[in-house]
Amino acid sequence: MNIILHQPEIPANTGNIGRTCVATNSTLHLIEPLGFKLNEKTLQRAGMDYWDKLKLERHISYEKFREEHPDAVVWMATTKAQKCYTQVKFSENDYIMFGKESAGIPEEYLVQDKEHCIRIPMSDDVRSLNLSNSVAIVLYEALRQQNFSNLEKEGELHRLSWD
C-alpha cells in the first residue's frame, strides 16, 4: 500500500504515520511543501528508531506526483466525502491520500475524482480525527481486505509461552 500526505504540517503526526508505514510495509509519499524539516527531533521521536527503515518518496507537488504515477489509483480521505472507507475495495498497490491537518485535501482535487473520495464516519460534534489515527484506520481496513498479506499474523510472548 501507499500513503500520501498532502502538505503535512505537524512533524509528530508524520513521524507516527512513518512508523505505521514501516509496520505495514507501506510506502509514504510526502507532497511538498512540508510544514517542517525531515530532520526535526519531534518527527524522529514519533517515528522512533524505525525512520531509517521507511520507504519514503517526496514530491514537489500533487501534479508532479500524478505525472510520476499516471496509473495510480488514489483514494482521497476527506470529511466531505459521501462514501465511507469501508464501502470501497482497495487493491494492493493503491494510494490513500490525506490532506494537511489545518485544511484537508484541496477541494479542487476532490471534485476531479468524486468516486475515489472516502470518509471515516464520526459525530458531527467533531471536525476531524487526528491525522495519524485516520491513516491507521483506513490503511488497516485496506490491509484487512487483502488478508494482511505479507504481514506477520501471530506474535510471541517475551518471557512466557502460549502453552
N, C-alpha and C. Protein backbone atom coordinates (compact mmCIF):
# COMPACT_ATOMS: atom_id res chain seq x y z
N MET A 1 0.84 -1.18 0.00
CA MET A 1 0.00 0.00 0.00
C MET A 1 0.88 1.24 0.00
N ASN A 2 0.26 2.35 -0.31
CA ASN A 2 0.94 3.64 -0.36
C ASN A 2 0.11 4.67 0.37
N ILE A 3 0.76 5.46 1.20
CA ILE A 3 0.10 6.57 1.89
C ILE A 3 0.68 7.86 1.35
N ILE A 4 -0.21 8.80 1.01
CA ILE A 4 0.20 10.12 0.55
C ILE A 4 -0.24 11.13 1.61
N LEU A 5 0.69 11.96 2.04
CA LEU A 5 0.35 13.09 2.91
C LEU A 5 0.54 14.36 2.08
N HIS A 6 -0.55 15.06 1.86
CA HIS A 6 -0.51 16.28 1.08
C HIS A 6 -0.21 17.46 2.00
N GLN A 7 0.99 17.98 1.91
CA GLN A 7 1.46 19.15 2.66
C GLN A 7 1.25 19.02 4.17
N PRO A 8 1.75 17.94 4.78
CA PRO A 8 1.58 17.78 6.23
C PRO A 8 2.25 18.91 7.00
N GLU A 9 1.65 19.26 8.15
CA GLU A 9 2.14 20.41 8.92
C GLU A 9 2.76 20.04 10.26
N ILE A 10 2.37 18.93 10.84
CA ILE A 10 2.78 18.59 12.20
C ILE A 10 3.76 17.41 12.16
N PRO A 11 5.01 17.64 12.55
CA PRO A 11 6.02 16.58 12.43
C PRO A 11 5.70 15.31 13.22
N ALA A 12 5.11 15.44 14.39
CA ALA A 12 4.81 14.24 15.18
C ALA A 12 3.79 13.35 14.47
N ASN A 13 2.81 13.94 13.78
CA ASN A 13 1.86 13.13 13.02
C ASN A 13 2.58 12.37 11.91
N THR A 14 3.43 13.07 11.18
CA THR A 14 4.15 12.42 10.08
C THR A 14 5.08 11.33 10.62
N GLY A 15 5.71 11.57 11.76
CA GLY A 15 6.55 10.54 12.38
C GLY A 15 5.75 9.30 12.75
N ASN A 16 4.59 9.50 13.36
CA ASN A 16 3.73 8.36 13.70
C ASN A 16 3.27 7.62 12.45
N ILE A 17 2.92 8.35 11.42
CA ILE A 17 2.48 7.73 10.16
C ILE A 17 3.64 6.97 9.52
N GLY A 18 4.84 7.53 9.59
CA GLY A 18 6.01 6.82 9.07
C GLY A 18 6.20 5.49 9.77
N ARG A 19 6.06 5.49 11.08
CA ARG A 19 6.19 4.24 11.86
C ARG A 19 5.12 3.24 11.44
N THR A 20 3.90 3.70 11.24
CA THR A 20 2.82 2.82 10.78
C THR A 20 3.14 2.27 9.39
N CYS A 21 3.71 3.09 8.53
CA CYS A 21 4.08 2.62 7.18
C CYS A 21 5.16 1.53 7.27
N VAL A 22 6.14 1.70 8.14
CA VAL A 22 7.16 0.66 8.31
C VAL A 22 6.50 -0.63 8.80
N ALA A 23 5.60 -0.52 9.76
CA ALA A 23 4.94 -1.70 10.33
C ALA A 23 4.07 -2.43 9.33
N THR A 24 3.62 -1.74 8.30
CA THR A 24 2.71 -2.34 7.32
C THR A 24 3.36 -2.54 5.95
N ASN A 25 4.66 -2.32 5.86
CA ASN A 25 5.37 -2.42 4.57
C ASN A 25 4.80 -1.49 3.52
N SER A 26 4.32 -0.33 3.95
CA SER A 26 3.74 0.65 3.03
C SER A 26 4.77 1.73 2.72
N THR A 27 4.58 2.38 1.60
CA THR A 27 5.44 3.49 1.20
C THR A 27 4.75 4.80 1.57
N LEU A 28 5.52 5.74 2.13
CA LEU A 28 4.99 7.05 2.48
C LEU A 28 5.43 8.05 1.42
N HIS A 29 4.45 8.75 0.85
CA HIS A 29 4.70 9.78 -0.14
C HIS A 29 4.36 11.13 0.49
N LEU A 30 5.31 12.05 0.49
CA LEU A 30 5.09 13.38 1.04
C LEU A 30 5.02 14.39 -0.09
N ILE A 31 3.91 15.12 -0.13
CA ILE A 31 3.72 16.17 -1.13
C ILE A 31 4.10 17.50 -0.48
N GLU A 32 5.04 18.19 -1.08
CA GLU A 32 5.52 19.46 -0.54
C GLU A 32 4.57 20.60 -0.88
N PRO A 33 4.66 21.72 -0.14
CA PRO A 33 5.63 21.98 0.91
C PRO A 33 5.24 21.30 2.22
N LEU A 34 6.27 20.95 2.99
CA LEU A 34 6.07 20.36 4.31
C LEU A 34 6.10 21.49 5.34
N GLY A 35 5.40 21.31 6.44
CA GLY A 35 5.39 22.31 7.49
C GLY A 35 6.53 22.14 8.48
N PHE A 36 7.55 21.38 8.11
CA PHE A 36 8.67 21.06 9.00
C PHE A 36 9.80 20.52 8.15
N LYS A 37 10.95 20.33 8.79
CA LYS A 37 12.10 19.70 8.12
C LYS A 37 12.14 18.23 8.52
N LEU A 38 12.57 17.38 7.60
CA LEU A 38 12.58 15.94 7.87
C LEU A 38 13.57 15.52 8.95
N ASN A 39 14.45 16.42 9.35
CA ASN A 39 15.40 16.06 10.42
C ASN A 39 14.98 16.61 11.78
N GLU A 40 13.74 17.10 11.90
CA GLU A 40 13.28 17.63 13.19
C GLU A 40 13.18 16.52 14.23
N LYS A 41 13.54 16.85 15.45
CA LYS A 41 13.54 15.85 16.53
C LYS A 41 12.16 15.29 16.81
N THR A 42 11.11 16.11 16.73
CA THR A 42 9.77 15.60 17.01
C THR A 42 9.34 14.56 15.97
N LEU A 43 9.75 14.75 14.74
CA LEU A 43 9.47 13.78 13.69
C LEU A 43 10.20 12.47 13.98
N GLN A 44 11.48 12.58 14.28
CA GLN A 44 12.30 11.40 14.56
C GLN A 44 11.81 10.67 15.81
N ARG A 45 11.45 11.44 16.85
CA ARG A 45 10.99 10.83 18.10
C ARG A 45 9.69 10.04 17.87
N ALA A 46 8.76 10.60 17.12
CA ALA A 46 7.49 9.92 16.86
C ALA A 46 7.71 8.67 16.01
N GLY A 47 8.66 8.73 15.08
CA GLY A 47 8.96 7.57 14.24
C GLY A 47 9.86 6.57 14.92
N MET A 48 10.34 6.94 16.09
CA MET A 48 11.25 6.13 16.90
C MET A 48 12.45 5.70 16.07
N ASP A 49 12.92 4.52 16.28
CA ASP A 49 14.12 4.07 15.57
C ASP A 49 13.77 3.37 14.26
N TYR A 50 12.57 3.61 13.75
CA TYR A 50 12.13 2.97 12.51
C TYR A 50 12.31 3.86 11.29
N TRP A 51 12.61 5.13 11.50
CA TRP A 51 12.61 6.09 10.39
C TRP A 51 13.57 5.67 9.27
N ASP A 52 14.70 5.08 9.62
CA ASP A 52 15.66 4.67 8.59
C ASP A 52 15.17 3.47 7.78
N LYS A 53 14.14 2.80 8.23
CA LYS A 53 13.56 1.65 7.50
C LYS A 53 12.39 2.06 6.60
N LEU A 54 12.00 3.32 6.69
CA LEU A 54 10.83 3.81 5.97
C LEU A 54 11.10 3.93 4.47
N LYS A 55 10.17 3.43 3.67
CA LYS A 55 10.19 3.66 2.22
C LYS A 55 9.50 5.02 2.02
N LEU A 56 10.30 6.01 1.65
CA LEU A 56 9.83 7.39 1.58
C LEU A 56 10.09 7.98 0.22
N GLU A 57 9.07 8.66 -0.31
CA GLU A 57 9.21 9.41 -1.56
C GLU A 57 8.70 10.81 -1.32
N ARG A 58 9.43 11.80 -1.84
CA ARG A 58 9.00 13.20 -1.76
C ARG A 58 8.64 13.68 -3.16
N HIS A 59 7.62 14.52 -3.22
CA HIS A 59 7.15 15.06 -4.49
C HIS A 59 6.93 16.56 -4.31
N ILE A 60 7.34 17.34 -5.29
CA ILE A 60 7.24 18.79 -5.14
C ILE A 60 5.81 19.30 -5.25
N SER A 61 4.92 18.51 -5.85
CA SER A 61 3.50 18.91 -5.93
C SER A 61 2.68 17.67 -6.25
N TYR A 62 1.39 17.78 -6.05
CA TYR A 62 0.50 16.67 -6.39
C TYR A 62 0.48 16.44 -7.90
N GLU A 63 0.58 17.52 -8.65
CA GLU A 63 0.61 17.39 -10.10
C GLU A 63 1.84 16.60 -10.54
N LYS A 64 2.98 16.87 -9.93
CA LYS A 64 4.21 16.11 -10.26
C LYS A 64 4.05 14.65 -9.85
N PHE A 65 3.45 14.41 -8.69
CA PHE A 65 3.19 13.03 -8.26
C PHE A 65 2.37 12.31 -9.33
N ARG A 66 1.30 12.95 -9.83
CA ARG A 66 0.43 12.32 -10.85
C ARG A 66 1.22 12.07 -12.14
N GLU A 67 2.13 12.97 -12.49
CA GLU A 67 2.97 12.74 -13.67
C GLU A 67 3.86 11.52 -13.48
N GLU A 68 4.41 11.36 -12.28
CA GLU A 68 5.30 10.25 -11.98
C GLU A 68 4.56 8.93 -11.79
N HIS A 69 3.28 9.01 -11.43
CA HIS A 69 2.46 7.81 -11.17
C HIS A 69 1.13 7.96 -11.91
N PRO A 70 1.15 7.98 -13.24
CA PRO A 70 -0.07 8.28 -14.01
C PRO A 70 -1.19 7.25 -13.85
N ASP A 71 -0.86 6.02 -13.53
CA ASP A 71 -1.88 4.97 -13.42
C ASP A 71 -2.30 4.71 -11.98
N ALA A 72 -1.83 5.51 -11.05
CA ALA A 72 -2.12 5.28 -9.63
C ALA A 72 -3.60 5.46 -9.33
N VAL A 73 -4.15 4.53 -8.56
CA VAL A 73 -5.50 4.67 -8.02
C VAL A 73 -5.33 5.37 -6.68
N VAL A 74 -5.85 6.59 -6.59
CA VAL A 74 -5.68 7.39 -5.38
C VAL A 74 -7.03 7.57 -4.70
N TRP A 75 -7.14 7.02 -3.50
CA TRP A 75 -8.32 7.23 -2.66
C TRP A 75 -8.04 8.46 -1.81
N MET A 76 -8.97 9.41 -1.78
CA MET A 76 -8.77 10.65 -1.04
C MET A 76 -9.66 10.66 0.20
N ALA A 77 -9.01 10.60 1.36
CA ALA A 77 -9.74 10.59 2.62
C ALA A 77 -10.09 12.03 3.02
N THR A 78 -11.37 12.27 3.16
CA THR A 78 -11.85 13.62 3.46
C THR A 78 -13.16 13.55 4.25
N THR A 79 -13.33 14.47 5.16
CA THR A 79 -14.59 14.52 5.91
C THR A 79 -15.76 14.92 5.02
N LYS A 80 -15.47 15.40 3.82
CA LYS A 80 -16.50 15.89 2.91
C LYS A 80 -17.08 14.80 2.00
N ALA A 81 -16.49 13.60 2.01
CA ALA A 81 -16.91 12.54 1.08
C ALA A 81 -18.29 11.98 1.45
N GLN A 82 -18.96 11.43 0.46
CA GLN A 82 -20.26 10.80 0.67
C GLN A 82 -20.12 9.30 0.95
N LYS A 83 -19.00 8.72 0.53
CA LYS A 83 -18.79 7.27 0.65
C LYS A 83 -17.88 6.96 1.84
N CYS A 84 -18.26 5.95 2.62
CA CYS A 84 -17.46 5.52 3.76
C CYS A 84 -16.29 4.65 3.27
N TYR A 85 -15.18 4.70 3.98
CA TYR A 85 -13.98 3.95 3.59
C TYR A 85 -14.21 2.44 3.57
N THR A 86 -15.20 1.94 4.29
CA THR A 86 -15.48 0.50 4.29
C THR A 86 -16.35 0.07 3.10
N GLN A 87 -16.80 1.01 2.31
CA GLN A 87 -17.65 0.72 1.16
C GLN A 87 -16.86 0.53 -0.13
N VAL A 88 -15.55 0.65 -0.06
CA VAL A 88 -14.74 0.54 -1.28
C VAL A 88 -13.85 -0.69 -1.21
N LYS A 89 -13.39 -1.12 -2.38
CA LYS A 89 -12.48 -2.26 -2.48
C LYS A 89 -11.10 -1.72 -2.79
N PHE A 90 -10.18 -1.87 -1.83
CA PHE A 90 -8.81 -1.42 -2.02
C PHE A 90 -8.01 -2.53 -2.69
N SER A 91 -7.08 -2.14 -3.53
CA SER A 91 -6.14 -3.07 -4.14
C SER A 91 -4.76 -2.87 -3.53
N GLU A 92 -3.94 -3.86 -3.66
CA GLU A 92 -2.63 -3.91 -3.01
C GLU A 92 -1.72 -2.72 -3.33
N ASN A 93 -1.83 -2.17 -4.53
CA ASN A 93 -0.94 -1.08 -4.93
C ASN A 93 -1.61 0.28 -4.93
N ASP A 94 -2.77 0.37 -4.30
CA ASP A 94 -3.48 1.65 -4.24
C ASP A 94 -2.75 2.67 -3.38
N TYR A 95 -3.15 3.92 -3.55
CA TYR A 95 -2.63 5.04 -2.77
C TYR A 95 -3.80 5.61 -1.97
N ILE A 96 -3.55 5.95 -0.72
CA ILE A 96 -4.57 6.59 0.10
C ILE A 96 -4.01 7.95 0.51
N MET A 97 -4.69 9.01 0.10
CA MET A 97 -4.17 10.36 0.34
C MET A 97 -4.94 11.04 1.47
N PHE A 98 -4.19 11.76 2.28
CA PHE A 98 -4.72 12.54 3.39
C PHE A 98 -4.20 13.96 3.25
N GLY A 99 -5.02 14.94 3.61
CA GLY A 99 -4.63 16.33 3.49
C GLY A 99 -3.95 16.86 4.73
N LYS A 100 -3.51 18.10 4.62
CA LYS A 100 -2.83 18.72 5.76
C LYS A 100 -3.81 18.92 6.91
N GLU A 101 -3.25 18.96 8.11
CA GLU A 101 -4.06 18.98 9.32
C GLU A 101 -5.03 20.16 9.38
N SER A 102 -4.63 21.32 8.91
CA SER A 102 -5.47 22.51 9.06
C SER A 102 -6.55 22.66 7.99
N ALA A 103 -6.41 21.98 6.85
CA ALA A 103 -7.34 22.25 5.75
C ALA A 103 -7.78 21.02 4.97
N GLY A 104 -7.14 19.88 5.15
CA GLY A 104 -7.50 18.69 4.38
C GLY A 104 -6.97 18.75 2.96
N ILE A 105 -7.53 17.92 2.12
CA ILE A 105 -7.16 17.86 0.70
C ILE A 105 -7.86 19.01 -0.03
N PRO A 106 -7.17 19.73 -0.90
CA PRO A 106 -7.83 20.81 -1.64
C PRO A 106 -9.07 20.30 -2.39
N GLU A 107 -10.14 21.07 -2.30
CA GLU A 107 -11.40 20.67 -2.92
C GLU A 107 -11.28 20.51 -4.43
N GLU A 108 -10.32 21.22 -5.04
CA GLU A 108 -10.12 21.09 -6.49
C GLU A 108 -9.77 19.64 -6.86
N TYR A 109 -9.01 18.97 -6.01
CA TYR A 109 -8.67 17.56 -6.25
C TYR A 109 -9.87 16.66 -6.00
N LEU A 110 -10.63 16.98 -4.97
CA LEU A 110 -11.78 16.15 -4.61
C LEU A 110 -12.82 16.11 -5.72
N VAL A 111 -13.17 17.27 -6.26
CA VAL A 111 -14.23 17.31 -7.28
C VAL A 111 -13.79 16.69 -8.60
N GLN A 112 -12.49 16.57 -8.82
CA GLN A 112 -11.99 15.93 -10.05
C GLN A 112 -12.18 14.42 -10.01
N ASP A 113 -12.34 13.84 -8.82
CA ASP A 113 -12.43 12.39 -8.71
C ASP A 113 -13.34 11.99 -7.55
N LYS A 114 -14.59 12.40 -7.63
CA LYS A 114 -15.58 12.17 -6.57
C LYS A 114 -15.69 10.69 -6.18
N GLU A 115 -15.57 9.79 -7.15
CA GLU A 115 -15.73 8.35 -6.90
C GLU A 115 -14.64 7.78 -6.00
N HIS A 116 -13.52 8.47 -5.89
CA HIS A 116 -12.42 7.99 -5.05
C HIS A 116 -12.28 8.78 -3.75
N CYS A 117 -13.32 9.51 -3.38
CA CYS A 117 -13.33 10.23 -2.11
C CYS A 117 -14.00 9.35 -1.05
N ILE A 118 -13.33 9.21 0.08
CA ILE A 118 -13.84 8.36 1.16
C ILE A 118 -13.76 9.11 2.49
N ARG A 119 -14.60 8.69 3.43
CA ARG A 119 -14.59 9.35 4.74
C ARG A 119 -14.66 8.30 5.84
N ILE A 120 -14.28 8.73 7.03
CA ILE A 120 -14.41 7.94 8.24
C ILE A 120 -15.62 8.50 8.98
N PRO A 121 -16.62 7.67 9.28
CA PRO A 121 -17.79 8.19 10.00
C PRO A 121 -17.41 8.71 11.39
N MET A 122 -18.02 9.81 11.78
CA MET A 122 -17.79 10.37 13.11
C MET A 122 -18.93 11.30 13.47
N SER A 123 -19.02 11.61 14.73
CA SER A 123 -20.03 12.53 15.24
C SER A 123 -19.86 13.90 14.61
N ASP A 124 -20.98 14.59 14.42
CA ASP A 124 -20.87 15.94 13.85
C ASP A 124 -20.40 16.97 14.87
N ASP A 125 -20.13 16.52 16.10
CA ASP A 125 -19.56 17.40 17.12
C ASP A 125 -18.06 17.59 16.93
N VAL A 126 -17.46 16.77 16.06
CA VAL A 126 -16.01 16.79 15.85
C VAL A 126 -15.73 17.14 14.39
N ARG A 127 -14.81 18.07 14.18
CA ARG A 127 -14.47 18.50 12.82
C ARG A 127 -13.68 17.43 12.07
N SER A 128 -12.73 16.77 12.79
CA SER A 128 -11.93 15.72 12.15
C SER A 128 -11.19 14.93 13.21
N LEU A 129 -10.67 13.79 12.81
CA LEU A 129 -9.84 12.98 13.68
C LEU A 129 -8.37 13.39 13.52
N ASN A 130 -7.53 12.96 14.44
CA ASN A 130 -6.10 13.18 14.32
C ASN A 130 -5.62 12.50 13.04
N LEU A 131 -4.71 13.13 12.33
CA LEU A 131 -4.24 12.62 11.05
C LEU A 131 -3.62 11.23 11.16
N SER A 132 -2.76 11.00 12.13
CA SER A 132 -2.13 9.68 12.22
C SER A 132 -3.15 8.60 12.57
N ASN A 133 -4.17 8.94 13.37
CA ASN A 133 -5.23 7.97 13.65
C ASN A 133 -6.03 7.66 12.38
N SER A 134 -6.33 8.67 11.61
CA SER A 134 -7.09 8.47 10.37
C SER A 134 -6.34 7.57 9.39
N VAL A 135 -5.04 7.80 9.26
CA VAL A 135 -4.23 6.95 8.37
C VAL A 135 -4.29 5.50 8.84
N ALA A 136 -4.13 5.28 10.14
CA ALA A 136 -4.14 3.91 10.67
C ALA A 136 -5.48 3.24 10.43
N ILE A 137 -6.57 3.94 10.64
CA ILE A 137 -7.91 3.37 10.46
C ILE A 137 -8.10 2.90 9.02
N VAL A 138 -7.85 3.77 8.07
CA VAL A 138 -8.10 3.45 6.66
C VAL A 138 -7.08 2.45 6.13
N LEU A 139 -5.83 2.62 6.48
CA LEU A 139 -4.79 1.71 6.00
C LEU A 139 -5.05 0.29 6.48
N TYR A 140 -5.40 0.11 7.74
CA TYR A 140 -5.64 -1.23 8.24
C TYR A 140 -6.89 -1.86 7.65
N GLU A 141 -7.87 -1.08 7.26
CA GLU A 141 -9.02 -1.64 6.54
C GLU A 141 -8.56 -2.13 5.17
N ALA A 142 -7.75 -1.34 4.49
CA ALA A 142 -7.24 -1.75 3.18
C ALA A 142 -6.44 -3.05 3.30
N LEU A 143 -5.61 -3.14 4.33
CA LEU A 143 -4.81 -4.35 4.54
C LEU A 143 -5.68 -5.54 4.95
N ARG A 144 -6.71 -5.29 5.75
CA ARG A 144 -7.63 -6.36 6.14
C ARG A 144 -8.29 -6.97 4.90
N GLN A 145 -8.66 -6.11 3.95
CA GLN A 145 -9.28 -6.60 2.72
C GLN A 145 -8.34 -7.50 1.94
N GLN A 146 -7.05 -7.37 2.16
CA GLN A 146 -6.05 -8.20 1.48
C GLN A 146 -5.53 -9.30 2.40
N ASN A 147 -6.28 -9.58 3.47
CA ASN A 147 -5.91 -10.63 4.43
C ASN A 147 -4.53 -10.37 5.05
N PHE A 148 -4.17 -9.12 5.22
CA PHE A 148 -2.89 -8.72 5.82
C PHE A 148 -1.72 -9.44 5.15
N SER A 149 -1.79 -9.55 3.84
CA SER A 149 -0.75 -10.24 3.09
C SER A 149 0.62 -9.63 3.38
N ASN A 150 1.60 -10.47 3.53
CA ASN A 150 2.99 -10.11 3.81
C ASN A 150 3.21 -9.48 5.19
N LEU A 151 2.25 -9.62 6.09
CA LEU A 151 2.43 -9.12 7.45
C LEU A 151 2.37 -10.29 8.41
N GLU A 152 3.15 -10.22 9.46
CA GLU A 152 3.14 -11.25 10.48
C GLU A 152 1.78 -11.28 11.14
N LYS A 153 1.20 -12.46 11.25
CA LYS A 153 -0.14 -12.56 11.79
C LYS A 153 -0.17 -13.08 13.22
N GLU A 154 0.94 -13.59 13.72
CA GLU A 154 0.98 -14.10 15.09
C GLU A 154 2.15 -13.48 15.83
N GLY A 155 1.95 -13.23 17.09
CA GLY A 155 3.02 -12.69 17.91
C GLY A 155 3.49 -13.72 18.92
N GLU A 156 4.64 -13.46 19.48
CA GLU A 156 5.20 -14.33 20.52
C GLU A 156 5.33 -13.55 21.81
N LEU A 157 5.13 -14.25 22.91
CA LEU A 157 5.36 -13.63 24.21
C LEU A 157 6.85 -13.50 24.44
N HIS A 158 7.27 -12.55 25.26
CA HIS A 158 8.69 -12.34 25.53
C HIS A 158 9.23 -13.31 26.59
N ARG A 159 8.51 -13.49 27.67
CA ARG A 159 9.02 -14.31 28.77
C ARG A 159 8.30 -15.65 28.90
N LEU A 160 7.04 -15.70 28.54
CA LEU A 160 6.24 -16.92 28.73
C LEU A 160 5.83 -17.47 27.38
N SER A 161 5.17 -18.61 27.40
CA SER A 161 4.67 -19.19 26.13
C SER A 161 3.15 -19.30 26.21
N TRP A 162 2.52 -19.46 25.07
CA TRP A 162 1.07 -19.55 24.99
C TRP A 162 0.58 -20.93 25.45
N ASP A 163 1.47 -21.89 25.64
CA ASP A 163 1.06 -23.24 26.05
C ASP A 163 0.50 -23.27 27.44
